[in-house]
C-alpha atoms as a PDB file:
ATOM      1  CA  MET A   1     182.685  75.012  65.280  1.00  0.00           C
ATOM      2  CA  SER A   2     179.012  75.946  65.053  1.00  0.00           C
ATOM      3  CA  GLY A   3     176.894  76.632  68.118  1.00  0.00           C
ATOM      4  CA  ARG A   4     174.636  73.670  67.345  1.00  0.00           C
ATOM      5  CA  SER A   5     177.656  71.328  67.147  1.00  0.00           C
ATOM      6  CA  SER A   6     178.743  72.557  70.570  1.00  0.00           C
ATOM      7  CA  ILE A   7     175.346  71.740  71.950  1.00  0.00           C
ATOM      8  CA  CYS A   8     175.561  68.236  70.501  1.00  0.00           C
ATOM      9  CA  ARG A   9     178.940  67.779  72.174  1.00  0.00           C
ATOM     10  CA  ILE A  10     177.425  68.837  75.484  1.00  0.00           C
ATOM     11  CA  ARG A  11     174.915  66.015  75.000  1.00  0.00           C
ATOM     12  CA  ASN A  12     177.801  63.574  75.116  1.00  0.00           C
ATOM     13  CA  GLY A  13     178.530  64.353  78.733  1.00  0.00           C
ATOM     14  CA  LEU A  14     179.575  67.932  79.400  1.00  0.00           C
ATOM     15  CA  ALA A  15     176.350  68.930  81.205  1.00  0.00           C
ATOM     16  CA  THR A  16     173.991  67.408  83.738  1.00  0.00           C
ATOM     17  CA  GLY A  17     170.549  67.972  85.237  1.00  0.00           C
ATOM     18  CA  VAL A  18     167.874  70.143  83.784  1.00  0.00           C
ATOM     19  CA  ILE A  19     170.429  72.274  81.964  1.00  0.00           C
ATOM     20  CA  ALA A  20     171.563  69.242  79.999  1.00  0.00           C
ATOM     21  CA  LEU A  21     168.025  68.218  79.192  1.00  0.00           C
ATOM     22  CA  GLY A  22     167.151  71.751  78.124  1.00  0.00           C
ATOM     23  CA  LEU A  23     170.117  71.905  75.751  1.00  0.00           C
ATOM     24  CA  LEU A  24     169.450  68.472  74.344  1.00  0.00           C
ATOM     25  CA  ALA A  25     166.020  69.602  73.241  1.00  0.00           C
ATOM     26  CA  GLY A  26     167.741  71.931  70.805  1.00  0.00           C
ATOM     27  CA  CYS A  27     169.843  69.225  69.148  1.00  0.00           C
ATOM     28  CA  ASN A  28     168.419  67.781  65.959  1.00  0.00           C
ATOM     29  CA  SER A  29     169.732  64.297  66.718  1.00  0.00           C
ATOM     30  CA  PHE A  30     168.105  64.037  70.135  1.00  0.00           C
ATOM     31  CA  ASP A  31     164.509  62.941  70.538  1.00  0.00           C
ATOM     32  CA  SER A  32     163.543  62.717  74.204  1.00  0.00           C
ATOM     33  CA  ARG A  33     160.521  60.569  73.302  1.00  0.00           C
ATOM     34  CA  ALA A  34     162.540  58.009  71.388  1.00  0.00           C
ATOM     35  CA  SER A  35     162.911  54.598  73.001  1.00  0.00           C
ATOM     36  CA  GLY A  36     165.683  54.666  75.604  1.00  0.00           C
ATOM     37  CA  ALA A  37     166.467  58.352  75.090  1.00  0.00           C
ATOM     38  CA  LEU A  38     166.214  59.164  78.796  1.00  0.00           C
ATOM     39  CA  ASP A  39     167.633  55.951  80.215  1.00  0.00           C
ATOM     40  CA  SER A  40     170.992  57.521  81.113  1.00  0.00           C
ATOM     41  CA  PHE A  41     169.474  60.385  83.092  1.00  0.00           C
ATOM     42  CA  SER A  42     168.741  60.319  86.797  1.00  0.00           C
ATOM     43  CA  ALA A  43     165.231  60.585  88.198  1.00  0.00           C
ATOM     44  CA  GLN A  44     166.059  64.009  89.575  1.00  0.00           C
ATOM     45  CA  GLN A  45     167.257  65.267  86.198  1.00  0.00           C
ATOM     46  CA  ILE A  46     164.106  64.080  84.462  1.00  0.00           C
ATOM     47  CA  PHE A  47     161.939  65.520  87.221  1.00  0.00           C
ATOM     48  CA  GLU A  48     163.624  68.897  86.886  1.00  0.00           C
ATOM     49  CA  ARG A  49     163.032  68.791  83.155  1.00  0.00           C
ATOM     50  CA  GLY A  50     159.357  68.193  83.826  1.00  0.00           C
ATOM     51  CA  GLU A  51     159.267  71.228  86.110  1.00  0.00           C
ATOM     52  CA  PHE A  52     161.067  73.224  83.424  1.00  0.00           C
ATOM     53  CA  GLU A  53     158.414  72.298  80.868  1.00  0.00           C
ATOM     54  CA  LEU A  54     155.672  73.334  83.274  1.00  0.00           C
ATOM     55  CA  GLU A  55     157.311  76.713  83.796  1.00  0.00           C
ATOM     56  CA  ARG A  56     157.304  77.289  80.050  1.00  0.00           C
ATOM     57  CA  SER A  57     153.642  76.217  79.838  1.00  0.00           C
ATOM     58  CA  GLN A  58     154.358  72.963  78.011  1.00  0.00           C
ATOM     59  CA  ALA A  59     152.161  70.827  80.232  1.00  0.00           C
ATOM     60  CA  ASP A  60     151.916  67.933  77.782  1.00  0.00           C
ATOM     61  CA  ASP A  61     155.705  67.634  77.646  1.00  0.00           C
ATOM     62  CA  ALA A  62     155.895  67.934  81.410  1.00  0.00           C
ATOM     63  CA  ALA A  63     153.454  65.051  81.812  1.00  0.00           C
ATOM     64  CA  PHE A  64     155.619  62.942  79.510  1.00  0.00           C
ATOM     65  CA  TYR A  65     158.784  63.524  81.560  1.00  0.00           C
ATOM     66  CA  PHE A  66     157.033  62.848  84.862  1.00  0.00           C
ATOM     67  CA  GLY A  67     155.651  59.635  83.383  1.00  0.00           C
ATOM     68  CA  GLU A  68     159.117  58.516  82.319  1.00  0.00           C
ATOM     69  CA  ILE A  69     160.306  58.657  85.922  1.00  0.00           C
ATOM     70  CA  GLU A  70     157.787  56.038  86.971  1.00  0.00           C
ATOM     71  CA  ARG A  71     158.802  53.871  84.035  1.00  0.00           C
ATOM     72  CA  LEU A  72     162.531  54.142  84.688  1.00  0.00           C
ATOM     73  CA  TYR A  73     162.531  54.380  88.479  1.00  0.00           C
ATOM     74  CA  PRO A  74     159.395  52.583  89.704  1.00  0.00           C
ATOM     75  CA  TYR A  75     158.603  52.593  93.435  1.00  0.00           C
ATOM     76  CA  SER A  76     161.189  55.299  94.095  1.00  0.00           C
ATOM     77  CA  GLU A  77     160.438  58.473  96.021  1.00  0.00           C
ATOM     78  CA  TRP A  78     160.937  60.387  92.785  1.00  0.00           C
ATOM     79  CA  ALA A  79     158.342  58.202  91.075  1.00  0.00           C
ATOM     80  CA  LYS A  80     155.808  59.014  93.783  1.00  0.00           C
ATOM     81  CA  ARG A  81     156.443  62.734  93.440  1.00  0.00           C
ATOM     82  CA  ALA A  82     156.374  62.513  89.666  1.00  0.00           C
ATOM     83  CA  LEU A  83     153.014  60.741  89.619  1.00  0.00           C
ATOM     84  CA  ILE A  84     151.176  63.548  91.387  1.00  0.00           C
ATOM     85  CA  MET A  85     152.962  66.061  89.168  1.00  0.00           C
ATOM     86  CA  GLN A  86     151.901  64.098  86.117  1.00  0.00           C
ATOM     87  CA  ALA A  87     148.268  64.297  87.235  1.00  0.00           C
ATOM     88  CA  PHE A  88     148.690  68.043  87.727  1.00  0.00           C
ATOM     89  CA  SER A  89     150.354  68.483  84.333  1.00  0.00           C
ATOM     90  CA  TYR A  90     147.634  66.594  82.505  1.00  0.00           C
ATOM     91  CA  HIS A  91     145.014  68.703  84.254  1.00  0.00           C
ATOM     92  CA  ARG A  92     146.767  71.918  83.268  1.00  0.00           C
ATOM     93  CA  ASP A  93     146.831  70.617  79.690  1.00  0.00           C
ATOM     94  CA  GLN A  94     143.071  69.970  79.999  1.00  0.00           C
ATOM     95  CA  ASP A  95     143.673  66.294  79.343  1.00  0.00           C
ATOM     96  CA  TYR A  96     141.121  65.348  81.969  1.00  0.00           C
ATOM     97  CA  PRO A  97     140.887  61.574  81.375  1.00  0.00           C
ATOM     98  CA  ASN A  98     144.657  61.152  81.779  1.00  0.00           C
ATOM     99  CA  SER A  99     144.730  63.510  84.753  1.00  0.00           C
ATOM    100  CA  ARG A 100     142.019  61.430  86.379  1.00  0.00           C
ATOM    101  CA  ALA A 101     143.852  58.193  85.620  1.00  0.00           C
ATOM    102  CA  ALA A 102     147.128  59.468  87.102  1.00  0.00           C
ATOM    103  CA  ALA A 103     145.387  60.814  90.183  1.00  0.00           C
ATOM    104  CA  GLN A 104     143.547  57.522  90.730  1.00  0.00           C
ATOM    105  CA  HIS A 105     146.813  55.641  90.248  1.00  0.00           C
ATOM    106  CA  TYR A 106     148.371  57.762  92.983  1.00  0.00           C
ATOM    107  CA  ILE A 107     145.448  57.133  95.345  1.00  0.00           C
ATOM    108  CA  ASP A 108     145.617  53.393  94.693  1.00  0.00           C
ATOM    109  CA  PHE A 109     149.371  53.208  95.391  1.00  0.00           C
ATOM    110  CA  TYR A 110     149.731  55.850  98.118  1.00  0.00           C
ATOM    111  CA  PRO A 111     146.341  56.095  99.888  1.00  0.00           C
ATOM    112  CA  VAL A 112     147.753  57.448 103.163  1.00  0.00           C
ATOM    113  CA  ASP A 113     150.400  59.746 101.713  1.00  0.00           C
ATOM    114  CA  ASP A 114     150.250  63.471 102.402  1.00  0.00           C
ATOM    115  CA  ASP A 115     149.434  64.166  98.751  1.00  0.00           C
ATOM    116  CA  ALA A 116     146.553  61.673  98.600  1.00  0.00           C
ATOM    117  CA  ALA A 117     144.084  64.456  99.432  1.00  0.00           C
ATOM    118  CA  TYR A 118     145.416  66.540  96.564  1.00  0.00           C
ATOM    119  CA  ALA A 119     145.223  63.553  94.220  1.00  0.00           C
ATOM    120  CA  GLN A 120     141.559  63.067  95.134  1.00  0.00           C
ATOM    121  CA  TYR A 121     140.975  66.795  94.664  1.00  0.00           C
ATOM    122  CA  LEU A 122     142.560  66.670  91.195  1.00  0.00           C
ATOM    123  CA  LEU A 123     140.375  63.691  90.364  1.00  0.00           C
ATOM    124  CA  ALA A 124     137.307  65.698  91.364  1.00  0.00           C
ATOM    125  CA  LEU A 125     138.482  68.692  89.351  1.00  0.00           C
ATOM    126  CA  SER A 126     138.869  66.491  86.281  1.00  0.00           C
ATOM    127  CA  TYR A 127     135.075  66.204  86.360  1.00  0.00           C
ATOM    128  CA  TYR A 128     134.217  69.599  87.796  1.00  0.00           C
ATOM    129  CA  ASP A 129     136.187  71.599  85.242  1.00  0.00           C
ATOM    130  CA  GLN A 130     134.253  69.891  82.452  1.00  0.00           C
ATOM    131  CA  ILE A 131     130.855  70.928  83.739  1.00  0.00           C
ATOM    132  CA  ASP A 132     129.429  72.706  80.762  1.00  0.00           C
ATOM    133  CA  GLU A 133     126.534  75.061  80.226  1.00  0.00           C
ATOM    134  CA  ILE A 134     123.222  74.081  81.756  1.00  0.00           C
ATOM    135  CA  GLY A 135     121.715  72.868  78.479  1.00  0.00           C
ATOM    136  CA  ARG A 136     123.971  69.831  78.161  1.00  0.00           C
ATOM    137  CA  ASP A 137     123.931  66.410  79.784  1.00  0.00           C
ATOM    138  CA  GLN A 138     124.790  66.654  83.455  1.00  0.00           C
ATOM    139  CA  GLY A 139     126.455  63.266  83.948  1.00  0.00           C
ATOM    140  CA  LEU A 140     129.796  64.944  84.654  1.00  0.00           C
ATOM    141  CA  THR A 141     128.130  67.076  87.315  1.00  0.00           C
ATOM    142  CA  PHE A 142     126.990  63.966  89.182  1.00  0.00           C
ATOM    143  CA  GLN A 143     130.489  62.499  88.950  1.00  0.00           C
ATOM    144  CA  ALA A 144     132.011  65.762  90.173  1.00  0.00           C
ATOM    145  CA  LEU A 145     129.665  65.759  93.158  1.00  0.00           C
ATOM    146  CA  GLN A 146     130.607  62.198  94.068  1.00  0.00           C
ATOM    147  CA  ALA A 147     134.341  62.890  93.808  1.00  0.00           C
ATOM    148  CA  LEU A 148     134.107  66.165  95.730  1.00  0.00           C
ATOM    149  CA  ARG A 149     132.167  64.409  98.477  1.00  0.00           C
ATOM    150  CA  VAL A 150     135.063  61.965  98.873  1.00  0.00           C
ATOM    151  CA  VAL A 151     137.462  64.869  99.454  1.00  0.00           C
ATOM    152  CA  ILE A 152     135.101  66.422 102.005  1.00  0.00           C
ATOM    153  CA  GLU A 153     134.417  63.215 103.910  1.00  0.00           C
ATOM    154  CA  ARG A 154     137.789  61.458 103.637  1.00  0.00           C
ATOM    155  CA  TYR A 155     140.035  64.495 104.062  1.00  0.00           C
ATOM    156  CA  PRO A 156     137.989  66.965 106.148  1.00  0.00           C
ATOM    157  CA  ASP A 157     141.088  68.589 107.665  1.00  0.00           C
ATOM    158  CA  SER A 158     142.961  69.029 104.398  1.00  0.00           C
ATOM    159  CA  GLU A 159     143.458  72.372 102.702  1.00  0.00           C
ATOM    160  CA  TYR A 160     141.280  71.138  99.832  1.00  0.00           C
ATOM    161  CA  ALA A 161     138.168  70.408 101.900  1.00  0.00           C
ATOM    162  CA  ARG A 162     136.858  73.975 101.991  1.00  0.00           C
ATOM    163  CA  SER A 163     137.355  74.468  98.253  1.00  0.00           C
ATOM    164  CA  SER A 164     135.605  71.152  97.655  1.00  0.00           C
ATOM    165  CA  VAL A 165     132.616  72.265  99.738  1.00  0.00           C
ATOM    166  CA  LEU A 166     132.299  75.460  97.697  1.00  0.00           C
ATOM    167  CA  LYS A 167     132.567  73.570  94.414  1.00  0.00           C
ATOM    168  CA  PHE A 168     130.117  70.950  95.654  1.00  0.00           C
ATOM    169  CA  ASP A 169     127.538  73.660  96.367  1.00  0.00           C
ATOM    170  CA  LEU A 170     128.062  75.213  92.931  1.00  0.00           C
ATOM    171  CA  ALA A 171     127.745  71.846  91.191  1.00  0.00           C
ATOM    172  CA  PHE A 172     124.638  71.046  93.228  1.00  0.00           C
ATOM    173  CA  ASP A 173     123.132  74.384  92.228  1.00  0.00           C
ATOM    174  CA  HIS A 174     124.020  73.573  88.624  1.00  0.00           C
ATOM    175  CA  LEU A 175     121.914  70.414  88.727  1.00  0.00           C
ATOM    176  CA  ALA A 176     118.989  72.320  90.182  1.00  0.00           C
ATOM    177  CA  ALA A 177     119.322  74.874  87.379  1.00  0.00           C
ATOM    178  CA  LYS A 178     119.086  72.041  84.868  1.00  0.00           C
ATOM    179  CA  GLU A 179     115.821  70.825  86.399  1.00  0.00           C
ATOM    180  CA  MET A 180     114.472  74.378  86.364  1.00  0.00           C
ATOM    181  CA  GLU A 181     115.340  74.798  82.702  1.00  0.00           C
ATOM    182  CA  ILE A 182     113.467  71.645  81.769  1.00  0.00           C
ATOM    183  CA  GLY A 183     110.521  72.599  83.965  1.00  0.00           C
ATOM    184  CA  ARG A 184     110.247  76.025  82.317  1.00  0.00           C
ATOM    185  CA  TYR A 185     110.405  74.349  78.909  1.00  0.00           C
ATOM    186  CA  TYR A 186     107.354  72.214  79.769  1.00  0.00           C
ATOM    187  CA  LEU A 187     105.554  75.124  81.408  1.00  0.00           C
ATOM    188  CA  LYS A 188     105.876  77.322  78.305  1.00  0.00           C
ATOM    189  CA  ARG A 189     104.349  74.528  76.254  1.00  0.00           C
ATOM    190  CA  ASP A 190     101.444  74.062  78.682  1.00  0.00           C
ATOM    191  CA  ASN A 191     102.657  70.607  79.668  1.00  0.00           C
ATOM    192  CA  PHE A 192     101.849  71.363  83.285  1.00  0.00           C
ATOM    193  CA  ALA A 193     102.073  67.850  84.697  1.00  0.00           C
ATOM    194  CA  ALA A 194     105.610  67.372  83.335  1.00  0.00           C
ATOM    195  CA  ALA A 195     106.564  70.825  84.609  1.00  0.00           C
ATOM    196  CA  VAL A 196     105.303  69.958  88.092  1.00  0.00           C
ATOM    197  CA  ASN A 197     107.502  66.859  88.166  1.00  0.00           C
ATOM    198  CA  ARG A 198     110.632  68.922  87.481  1.00  0.00           C
ATOM    199  CA  PHE A 199     109.833  71.705  89.930  1.00  0.00           C
ATOM    200  CA  ARG A 200     108.996  69.148  92.587  1.00  0.00           C
ATOM    201  CA  ILE A 201     112.461  67.612  92.181  1.00  0.00           C
ATOM    202  CA  VAL A 202     114.016  71.016  92.914  1.00  0.00           C
ATOM    203  CA  VAL A 203     111.874  71.547  96.009  1.00  0.00           C
ATOM    204  CA  GLU A 204     112.429  68.064  97.414  1.00  0.00           C
ATOM    205  CA  ASP A 205     115.992  67.254  96.330  1.00  0.00           C
ATOM    206  CA  PHE A 206     117.624  70.676  95.885  1.00  0.00           C
ATOM    207  CA  GLN A 207     115.850  72.684  98.551  1.00  0.00           C
ATOM    208  CA  THR A 208     119.064  74.346  99.773  1.00  0.00           C
ATOM    209  CA  THR A 209     119.867  75.867  96.370  1.00  0.00           C
ATOM    210  CA  SER A 210     119.047  79.343  95.087  1.00  0.00           C
ATOM    211  CA  HIS A 211     116.399  77.914  92.745  1.00  0.00           C
ATOM    212  CA  THR A 212     113.884  76.809  95.375  1.00  0.00           C
ATOM    213  CA  PRO A 213     111.871  80.070  95.573  1.00  0.00           C
ATOM    214  CA  GLU A 214     111.287  80.124  91.818  1.00  0.00           C
ATOM    215  CA  ALA A 215     110.467  76.401  91.803  1.00  0.00           C
ATOM    216  CA  LEU A 216     107.732  76.987  94.386  1.00  0.00           C
ATOM    217  CA  HIS A 217     106.338  79.891  92.372  1.00  0.00           C
ATOM    218  CA  ARG A 218     106.319  77.782  89.214  1.00  0.00           C
ATOM    219  CA  LEU A 219     104.440  75.117  91.136  1.00  0.00           C
ATOM    220  CA  VAL A 220     101.801  77.710  92.023  1.00  0.00           C
ATOM    221  CA  GLU A 221     101.529  78.588  88.335  1.00  0.00           C
ATOM    222  CA  SER A 222     101.368  74.966  87.214  1.00  0.00           C
ATOM    223  CA  TYR A 223      98.858  73.802  89.824  1.00  0.00           C
ATOM    224  CA  LEU A 224      96.573  76.766  89.161  1.00  0.00           C
ATOM    225  CA  SER A 225      96.678  75.924  85.459  1.00  0.00           C
ATOM    226  CA  LEU A 226      95.737  72.327  86.305  1.00  0.00           C
ATOM    227  CA  GLY A 227      92.908  73.491  88.577  1.00  0.00           C
ATOM    228  CA  LEU A 228      94.549  71.935  91.650  1.00  0.00           C
ATOM    229  CA  LEU A 229      93.840  74.718  94.117  1.00  0.00           C
ATOM    230  CA  ASP A 230      94.886  72.882  97.283  1.00  0.00           C
ATOM    231  CA  GLU A 231      98.313  72.151  95.864  1.00  0.00           C
ATOM    232  CA  ALA A 232      98.684  75.715  94.547  1.00  0.00           C
ATOM    233  CA  ARG A 233      97.711  77.209  97.906  1.00  0.00           C
ATOM    234  CA  SER A 234     100.105  74.868  99.733  1.00  0.00           C
ATOM    235  CA  ALA A 235     102.965  75.799  97.413  1.00  0.00           C
ATOM    236  CA  GLY A 236     102.246  79.458  98.089  1.00  0.00           C
ATOM    237  CA  ALA A 237     102.226  78.809 101.836  1.00  0.00           C
ATOM    238  CA  VAL A 238     105.630  77.100 101.721  1.00  0.00           C
ATOM    239  CA  LEU A 239     106.969  79.953  99.613  1.00  0.00           C
ATOM    240  CA  GLY A 240     105.619  82.553 102.012  1.00  0.00           C
ATOM    241  CA  TYR A 241     106.953  80.754 105.078  1.00  0.00           C
ATOM    242  CA  ASN A 242     110.525  80.719 103.750  1.00  0.00           C
ATOM    243  CA  TYR A 243     110.793  83.460 101.122  1.00  0.00           C
ATOM    244  CA  ARG A 244     108.147  86.050 101.919  1.00  0.00           C
ATOM    245  CA  SER A 245     110.381  88.980 100.942  1.00  0.00           C
ATOM    246  CA  THR A 246     111.142  87.669  97.443  1.00  0.00           C
ATOM    247  CA  GLU A 247     109.574  88.683  94.148  1.00  0.00           C
ATOM    248  CA  TRP A 248     108.538  85.072  93.678  1.00  0.00           C
ATOM    249  CA  TYR A 249     106.232  85.225  96.700  1.00  0.00           C
ATOM    250  CA  ALA A 250     104.797  88.543  95.545  1.00  0.00           C
ATOM    251  CA  ASP A 251     104.009  87.041  92.138  1.00  0.00           C
ATOM    252  CA  SER A 252     102.514  83.888  93.646  1.00  0.00           C
ATOM    253  CA  PHE A 253     100.404  85.888  96.096  1.00  0.00           C
ATOM    254  CA  ALA A 254      99.027  87.944  93.206  1.00  0.00           C
ATOM    255  CA  LEU A 255      98.219  84.790  91.218  1.00  0.00           C
ATOM    256  CA  LEU A 256      96.496  83.104  94.133  1.00  0.00           C
ATOM    257  CA  THR A 257      94.457  86.085  95.291  1.00  0.00           C
ATOM    258  CA  GLY A 258      93.588  86.781  91.676  1.00  0.00           C
ATOM    259  CA  SER A 259      92.089  83.286  91.613  1.00  0.00           C
ATOM    260  CA  GLY A 260      90.112  84.014  94.776  1.00  0.00           C
ATOM    261  CA  VAL A 261      92.229  81.980  97.216  1.00  0.00           C
ATOM    262  CA  GLU A 262      94.903  82.645  99.838  1.00  0.00           C
ATOM    263  CA  PRO A 263      98.314  80.971 100.202  1.00  0.00           C
ATOM    264  CA  GLN A 264      97.840  78.457 103.006  1.00  0.00           C
ATOM    265  CA  PRO A 265      98.381  74.700 103.417  1.00  0.00           C
ATOM    266  CA  MET A 266      95.374  72.703 102.325  1.00  0.00           C
ATOM    267  CA  GLY A 267      94.607  68.989 102.175  1.00  0.00           C
ATOM    268  CA  ASP A 268      97.005  66.063 102.409  1.00  0.00           C
ATOM    269  CA  ASN A 269      99.179  66.799  99.379  1.00  0.00           C
ATOM    270  CA  TRP A 270     102.992  66.666  99.468  1.00  0.00           C
ATOM    271  CA  LEU A 271     103.383  70.439  99.806  1.00  0.00           C
ATOM    272  CA  ALA A 272     101.028  70.613 102.770  1.00  0.00           C
ATOM    273  CA  ALA A 273     103.144  67.899 104.377  1.00  0.00           C
ATOM    274  CA  ILE A 274     106.284  69.967 103.778  1.00  0.00           C
ATOM    275  CA  TYR A 275     104.580  72.965 105.397  1.00  0.00           C
ATOM    276  CA  ARG A 276     103.767  70.935 108.491  1.00  0.00           C
ATOM    277  CA  GLN A 277     107.369  69.750 108.622  1.00  0.00           C
ATOM    278  CA  MET A 278     108.584  73.337 108.427  1.00  0.00           C
ATOM    279  CA  VAL A 279     106.411  74.359 111.351  1.00  0.00           C
ATOM    280  CA  ARG A 280     108.099  71.579 113.319  1.00  0.00           C
ATOM    281  CA  GLY A 281     111.502  72.782 112.098  1.00  0.00           C
ATOM    282  CA  GLU A 282     112.164  69.734 109.933  1.00  0.00           C
ATOM    283  CA  TRP A 283     112.545  71.404 106.505  1.00  0.00           C
ATOM    284  CA  LEU A 284     115.124  73.939 105.360  1.00  0.00           C
END
């Protein structure tokens, strides 16, 4: 009797659990995705097969098996465990929409379960891990920030909160980088008013990111080019108050003094107001 025939005989009842499922995969007549193919197996057996597929880096197959548990054994403890594993498997397979859907399904059905925090974290990762290079649309970055904030605020004591904070900061910095890129684009083309609008967004909305010193310097450049000396001097003052030791302040100081003025807050413009707030300890 051939080895393959022996395996087919095992399918008829000589083996159980993950071993049986692993052997069945090698039998030509068995298709685990065919209708009813897994109906005779227990939830535990199917779950173990899903774990087996994960171990051999077949995340798509693993997600299928975990999904079958919910279909065959709905509302069981195995179904609950399988759902979070399905979300994980889809994420490992980089099938982010399905990972997000499974994670949301888990949150909807088991909002107070111990794994709810991890489900929310996976949901956030399904956006975060798609954040692309700075030059592309940043809609996913906004969605990642929103989902990460939920982890931080809803599950502050979970093991995923700290990682979410770090990823939130990186995503936030990513958005600021996008604004800087657009601002530099306008600045190089002498569209100074449009450049100012972008750099102002960084200063006002992303002031805690690493891009703020450069944004203030670019504002000095832009305002000087527009002939708005009060605004340029105020931008230089804010830069000097917070980032005096940086190259950006050195460059701005040289630009301002080269134009015959000093970096100091002047007038009632928005940067002078920020400077006054800083003196009172209300900014940065």
